[in-house]
PDB file of N, CA and C in Angstrom:
ATOM      1  N   MET A   1     -16.723 -12.922  -4.586  1.00  0.00           N
ATOM      2  CA  MET A   1     -16.069 -12.735  -3.310  1.00  0.00           C
ATOM      3  C   MET A   1     -14.733 -12.027  -3.539  1.00  0.00           C
ATOM      4  N   PRO A   2     -14.441 -10.956  -2.764  1.00  0.00           N
ATOM      5  CA  PRO A   2     -13.171 -10.258  -2.958  1.00  0.00           C
ATOM      6  C   PRO A   2     -11.994 -11.133  -2.546  1.00  0.00           C
ATOM      7  N   PRO A   3     -10.814 -10.871  -3.126  1.00  0.00           N
ATOM      8  CA  PRO A   3      -9.645 -11.657  -2.757  1.00  0.00           C
ATOM      9  C   PRO A   3      -9.241 -11.401  -1.309  1.00  0.00           C
ATOM     10  N   ALA A   4      -8.528 -12.346  -0.736  1.00  0.00           N
ATOM     11  CA  ALA A   4      -8.013 -12.165   0.622  1.00  0.00           C
ATOM     12  C   ALA A   4      -6.922 -11.108   0.595  1.00  0.00           C
ATOM     13  N   PRO A   5      -6.740 -10.364   1.662  1.00  0.00           N
ATOM     14  CA  PRO A   5      -5.664  -9.377   1.661  1.00  0.00           C
ATOM     15  C   PRO A   5      -4.305 -10.014   1.379  1.00  0.00           C
ATOM     16  N   ALA A   6      -3.514  -9.359   0.563  1.00  0.00           N
ATOM     17  CA  ALA A   6      -2.177  -9.834   0.221  1.00  0.00           C
ATOM     18  C   ALA A   6      -1.177  -9.302   1.252  1.00  0.00           C
ATOM     19  N   ILE A   7      -1.468  -9.565   2.520  1.00  0.00           N
ATOM     20  CA  ILE A   7      -0.630  -9.135   3.637  1.00  0.00           C
ATOM     21  C   ILE A   7      -0.866 -10.128   4.763  1.00  0.00           C
ATOM     22  N   ASP A   8       0.105 -10.328   5.601  1.00  0.00           N
ATOM     23  CA  ASP A   8      -0.029 -11.281   6.703  1.00  0.00           C
ATOM     24  C   ASP A   8      -0.989 -10.733   7.757  1.00  0.00           C
ATOM     25  N   GLY A   9      -2.162 -11.331   7.841  1.00  0.00           N
ATOM     26  CA  GLY A   9      -3.197 -10.898   8.777  1.00  0.00           C
ATOM     27  C   GLY A   9      -2.838 -11.107  10.234  1.00  0.00           C
ATOM     28  N   ASN A  10      -1.850 -11.962  10.519  1.00  0.00           N
ATOM     29  CA  ASN A  10      -1.404 -12.138  11.905  1.00  0.00           C
ATOM     30  C   ASN A  10      -0.665 -10.903  12.409  1.00  0.00           C
ATOM     31  N   TYR A  11       0.098 -10.266  11.531  1.00  0.00           N
ATOM     32  CA  TYR A  11       0.861  -9.082  11.916  1.00  0.00           C
ATOM     33  C   TYR A  11       0.101  -7.791  11.646  1.00  0.00           C
ATOM     34  N   PHE A  12      -0.760  -7.812  10.645  1.00  0.00           N
ATOM     35  CA  PHE A  12      -1.528  -6.631  10.259  1.00  0.00           C
ATOM     36  C   PHE A  12      -3.013  -6.991  10.181  1.00  0.00           C
ATOM     37  N   PRO A  13      -3.646  -7.204  11.330  1.00  0.00           N
ATOM     38  CA  PRO A  13      -5.058  -7.595  11.320  1.00  0.00           C
ATOM     39  C   PRO A  13      -5.957  -6.467  10.813  1.00  0.00           C
ATOM     40  N   ASN A  14      -7.090  -6.851  10.286  1.00  0.00           N
ATOM     41  CA  ASN A  14      -8.125  -5.913   9.823  1.00  0.00           C
ATOM     42  C   ASN A  14      -7.693  -5.024   8.665  1.00  0.00           C
ATOM     43  N   THR A  15      -6.720  -5.471   7.864  1.00  0.00           N
ATOM     44  CA  THR A  15      -6.315  -4.710   6.682  1.00  0.00           C
ATOM     45  C   THR A  15      -7.363  -4.902   5.600  1.00  0.00           C
ATOM     46  N   ILE A  16      -7.839  -3.805   5.046  1.00  0.00           N
ATOM     47  CA  ILE A  16      -8.855  -3.904   3.997  1.00  0.00           C
ATOM     48  C   ILE A  16      -8.197  -4.049   2.630  1.00  0.00           C
ATOM     49  N   ASN A  17      -8.933  -4.593   1.680  1.00  0.00           N
ATOM     50  CA  ASN A  17      -8.441  -4.853   0.323  1.00  0.00           C
ATOM     51  C   ASN A  17      -8.495  -3.576  -0.513  1.00  0.00           C
ATOM     52  N   THR A  18      -7.512  -2.711  -0.316  1.00  0.00           N
ATOM     53  CA  THR A  18      -7.479  -1.460  -1.072  1.00  0.00           C
ATOM     54  C   THR A  18      -6.046  -0.967  -1.197  1.00  0.00           C
ATOM     55  N   HIS A  19      -5.883   0.189  -1.782  1.00  0.00           N
ATOM     56  CA  HIS A  19      -4.571   0.785  -2.032  1.00  0.00           C
ATOM     57  C   HIS A  19      -4.116   1.630  -0.843  1.00  0.00           C
ATOM     58  N   PHE A  20      -2.798   1.577  -0.569  1.00  0.00           N
ATOM     59  CA  PHE A  20      -2.184   2.346   0.506  1.00  0.00           C
ATOM     60  C   PHE A  20      -0.936   3.043  -0.043  1.00  0.00           C
ATOM     61  N   TRP A  21      -0.667   4.242   0.474  1.00  0.00           N
ATOM     62  CA  TRP A  21       0.572   4.933   0.133  1.00  0.00           C
ATOM     63  C   TRP A  21       1.763   4.217   0.742  1.00  0.00           C
ATOM     64  N   THR A  22       2.932   4.368   0.104  1.00  0.00           N
ATOM     65  CA  THR A  22       4.198   3.977   0.710  1.00  0.00           C
ATOM     66  C   THR A  22       4.999   5.257   0.943  1.00  0.00           C
ATOM     67  N   SER A  23       6.142   5.156   1.548  1.00  0.00           N
ATOM     68  CA  SER A  23       6.985   6.335   1.781  1.00  0.00           C
ATOM     69  C   SER A  23       7.944   6.595   0.619  1.00  0.00           C
ATOM     70  N   GLN A  24       7.868   5.789  -0.424  1.00  0.00           N
ATOM     71  CA  GLN A  24       8.811   5.867  -1.542  1.00  0.00           C
ATOM     72  C   GLN A  24       8.263   6.682  -2.706  1.00  0.00           C
ATOM     73  N   PRO A  25       9.141   7.422  -3.400  1.00  0.00           N
ATOM     74  CA  PRO A  25       8.704   8.091  -4.632  1.00  0.00           C
ATOM     75  C   PRO A  25       8.489   7.051  -5.729  1.00  0.00           C
ATOM     76  N   GLY A  26       7.811   7.442  -6.781  1.00  0.00           N
ATOM     77  CA  GLY A  26       7.619   6.534  -7.910  1.00  0.00           C
ATOM     78  C   GLY A  26       8.948   6.187  -8.553  1.00  0.00           C
ATOM     79  N   ALA A  27       9.179   4.927  -8.844  1.00  0.00           N
ATOM     80  CA  ALA A  27      10.459   4.476  -9.398  1.00  0.00           C
ATOM     81  C   ALA A  27      10.690   5.022 -10.809  1.00  0.00           C
ATOM     82  N   ALA A  28       9.677   5.001 -11.650  1.00  0.00           N
ATOM     83  CA  ALA A  28       9.829   5.424 -13.037  1.00  0.00           C
ATOM     84  C   ALA A  28       9.692   6.937 -13.201  1.00  0.00           C
ATOM     85  N   ASP A  29       8.978   7.580 -12.285  1.00  0.00           N
ATOM     86  CA  ASP A  29       8.698   9.013 -12.409  1.00  0.00           C
ATOM     87  C   ASP A  29       8.669   9.620 -11.008  1.00  0.00           C
ATOM     88  N   PRO A  30       9.674  10.434 -10.647  1.00  0.00           N
ATOM     89  CA  PRO A  30       9.721  10.994  -9.298  1.00  0.00           C
ATOM     90  C   PRO A  30       8.571  11.944  -8.966  1.00  0.00           C
ATOM     91  N   SER A  31       7.796  12.366  -9.966  1.00  0.00           N
ATOM     92  CA  SER A  31       6.629  13.201  -9.663  1.00  0.00           C
ATOM     93  C   SER A  31       5.457  12.342  -9.179  1.00  0.00           C
ATOM     94  N   MET A  32       5.602  11.040  -9.281  1.00  0.00           N
ATOM     95  CA  MET A  32       4.598  10.092  -8.801  1.00  0.00           C
ATOM     96  C   MET A  32       5.024   9.585  -7.424  1.00  0.00           C
ATOM     97  N   ALA A  33       4.118   8.879  -6.757  1.00  0.00           N
ATOM     98  CA  ALA A  33       4.429   8.248  -5.478  1.00  0.00           C
ATOM     99  C   ALA A  33       4.129   6.757  -5.609  1.00  0.00           C
ATOM    100  N   SER A  34       4.764   5.964  -4.774  1.00  0.00           N
ATOM    101  CA  SER A  34       4.533   4.522  -4.817  1.00  0.00           C
ATOM    102  C   SER A  34       3.347   4.144  -3.947  1.00  0.00           C
ATOM    103  N   GLU A  35       2.624   3.140  -4.389  1.00  0.00           N
ATOM    104  CA  GLU A  35       1.483   2.629  -3.635  1.00  0.00           C
ATOM    105  C   GLU A  35       1.469   1.123  -3.723  1.00  0.00           C
ATOM    106  N   VAL A  36       0.799   0.497  -2.753  1.00  0.00           N
ATOM    107  CA  VAL A  36       0.650  -0.948  -2.745  1.00  0.00           C
ATOM    108  C   VAL A  36      -0.824  -1.275  -2.568  1.00  0.00           C
ATOM    109  N   ASP A  37      -1.286  -2.259  -3.312  1.00  0.00           N
ATOM    110  CA  ASP A  37      -2.669  -2.725  -3.214  1.00  0.00           C
ATOM    111  C   ASP A  37      -2.658  -4.006  -2.401  1.00  0.00           C
ATOM    112  N   PHE A  38      -3.130  -3.943  -1.162  1.00  0.00           N
ATOM    113  CA  PHE A  38      -3.129  -5.114  -0.292  1.00  0.00           C
ATOM    114  C   PHE A  38      -4.215  -6.121  -0.655  1.00  0.00           C
ATOM    115  N   GLY A  39      -5.055  -5.818  -1.614  1.00  0.00           N
ATOM    116  CA  GLY A  39      -6.043  -6.775  -2.073  1.00  0.00           C
ATOM    117  C   GLY A  39      -5.472  -7.719  -3.117  1.00  0.00           C
ATOM    118  N   MET A  40      -4.715  -7.164  -4.047  1.00  0.00           N
ATOM    119  CA  MET A  40      -4.189  -7.952  -5.160  1.00  0.00           C
ATOM    120  C   MET A  40      -2.682  -8.160  -5.087  1.00  0.00           C
ATOM    121  N   GLY A  41      -1.991  -7.497  -4.152  1.00  0.00           N
ATOM    122  CA  GLY A  41      -0.552  -7.619  -4.049  1.00  0.00           C
ATOM    123  C   GLY A  41       0.193  -6.787  -5.079  1.00  0.00           C
ATOM    124  N   PHE A  42      -0.455  -5.780  -5.630  1.00  0.00           N
ATOM    125  CA  PHE A  42       0.118  -4.922  -6.659  1.00  0.00           C
ATOM    126  C   PHE A  42       0.932  -3.803  -6.027  1.00  0.00           C
ATOM    127  N   PHE A  43       2.054  -3.435  -6.643  1.00  0.00           N
ATOM    128  CA  PHE A  43       2.881  -2.320  -6.224  1.00  0.00           C
ATOM    129  C   PHE A  43       3.176  -1.482  -7.451  1.00  0.00           C
ATOM    130  N   GLY A  44       2.968  -0.174  -7.378  1.00  0.00           N
ATOM    131  CA  GLY A  44       3.224   0.661  -8.536  1.00  0.00           C
ATOM    132  C   GLY A  44       3.251   2.134  -8.195  1.00  0.00           C
ATOM    133  N   GLY A  45       3.270   2.966  -9.235  1.00  0.00           N
ATOM    134  CA  GLY A  45       3.282   4.410  -9.066  1.00  0.00           C
ATOM    135  C   GLY A  45       1.914   4.999  -9.341  1.00  0.00           C
ATOM    136  N   ILE A  46       1.626   6.108  -8.682  1.00  0.00           N
ATOM    137  CA  ILE A  46       0.331   6.763  -8.814  1.00  0.00           C
ATOM    138  C   ILE A  46       0.529   8.259  -8.581  1.00  0.00           C
ATOM    139  N   PRO A  47      -0.259   9.125  -9.230  1.00  0.00           N
ATOM    140  CA  PRO A  47      -0.112  10.563  -8.983  1.00  0.00           C
ATOM    141  C   PRO A  47      -0.297  10.902  -7.499  1.00  0.00           C
ATOM    142  N   ARG A  48       0.483  11.858  -7.038  1.00  0.00           N
ATOM    143  CA  ARG A  48       0.477  12.225  -5.619  1.00  0.00           C
ATOM    144  C   ARG A  48      -0.837  12.841  -5.142  1.00  0.00           C
ATOM    145  N   ASN A  49      -1.681  13.296  -6.039  1.00  0.00           N
ATOM    146  CA  ASN A  49      -2.932  13.935  -5.618  1.00  0.00           C
ATOM    147  C   ASN A  49      -4.107  12.966  -5.476  1.00  0.00           C
ATOM    148  N   VAL A  50      -3.877  11.671  -5.672  1.00  0.00           N
ATOM    149  CA  VAL A  50      -4.931  10.667  -5.522  1.00  0.00           C
ATOM    150  C   VAL A  50      -5.065  10.313  -4.036  1.00  0.00           C
ATOM    151  N   PRO A  51      -6.265  10.414  -3.475  1.00  0.00           N
ATOM    152  CA  PRO A  51      -6.415  10.087  -2.048  1.00  0.00           C
ATOM    153  C   PRO A  51      -6.358   8.575  -1.803  1.00  0.00           C
ATOM    154  N   LEU A  52      -5.411   8.159  -0.955  1.00  0.00           N
ATOM    155  CA  LEU A  52      -5.255   6.753  -0.573  1.00  0.00           C
ATOM    156  C   LEU A  52      -5.135   6.658   0.942  1.00  0.00           C
ATOM    157  N   LEU A  53      -5.201   5.451   1.451  1.00  0.00           N
ATOM    158  CA  LEU A  53      -5.028   5.207   2.872  1.00  0.00           C
ATOM    159  C   LEU A  53      -3.554   5.111   3.226  1.00  0.00           C
ATOM    160  N   VAL A  54      -3.247   5.174   4.522  1.00  0.00           N
ATOM    161  CA  VAL A  54      -1.883   5.061   5.015  1.00  0.00           C
ATOM    162  C   VAL A  54      -1.852   3.986   6.092  1.00  0.00           C
ATOM    163  N   ARG A  55      -0.824   3.151   6.074  1.00  0.00           N
ATOM    164  CA  ARG A  55      -0.619   2.157   7.131  1.00  0.00           C
ATOM    165  C   ARG A  55       0.685   2.531   7.813  1.00  0.00           C
ATOM    166  N   LEU A  56       0.630   2.837   9.097  1.00  0.00           N
ATOM    167  CA  LEU A  56       1.817   3.217   9.859  1.00  0.00           C
ATOM    168  C   LEU A  56       2.443   1.961  10.466  1.00  0.00           C
ATOM    169  N   VAL A  57       3.738   1.803  10.272  1.00  0.00           N
ATOM    170  CA  VAL A  57       4.470   0.667  10.820  1.00  0.00           C
ATOM    171  C   VAL A  57       5.787   1.158  11.395  1.00  0.00           C
ATOM    172  N   ARG A  58       6.377   0.355  12.244  1.00  0.00           N
ATOM    173  CA  ARG A  58       7.716   0.642  12.750  1.00  0.00           C
ATOM    174  C   ARG A  58       8.469  -0.665  12.812  1.00  0.00           C
ATOM    175  N   SER A  59       9.782  -0.584  12.851  1.00  0.00           N
ATOM    176  CA  SER A  59      10.569  -1.815  12.904  1.00  0.00           C
ATOM    177  C   SER A  59      11.100  -2.042  14.313  1.00  0.00           C
ATOM    178  N   GLY A  60      11.089  -3.285  14.714  1.00  0.00           N
ATOM    179  CA  GLY A  60      11.671  -3.704  16.000  1.00  0.00           C
ATOM    180  C   GLY A  60      11.094  -3.026  17.226  1.00  0.00           C
ATOM    181  N   PRO A  61      11.448  -3.555  18.364  1.00  0.00           N
ATOM    182  CA  PRO A  61      10.976  -2.963  19.616  1.00  0.00           C
ATOM    183  C   PRO A  61      11.736  -1.713  19.995  1.00  0.00           C
TER     184      PRO A  61
END
């Protein structure tokens, strides 16, 4: 059985257990981009040419 999403399902319903882009460059290497894995709760850098999903969010009303 796959792990539960490592994100609050009340605020972000229907999030699948996979990798998503962030808006941040890679911390260790600026030629990389940051990504988060909502399945395992992993955050790291990945080459910019790897196809990933995007989650759009905004703050406050």
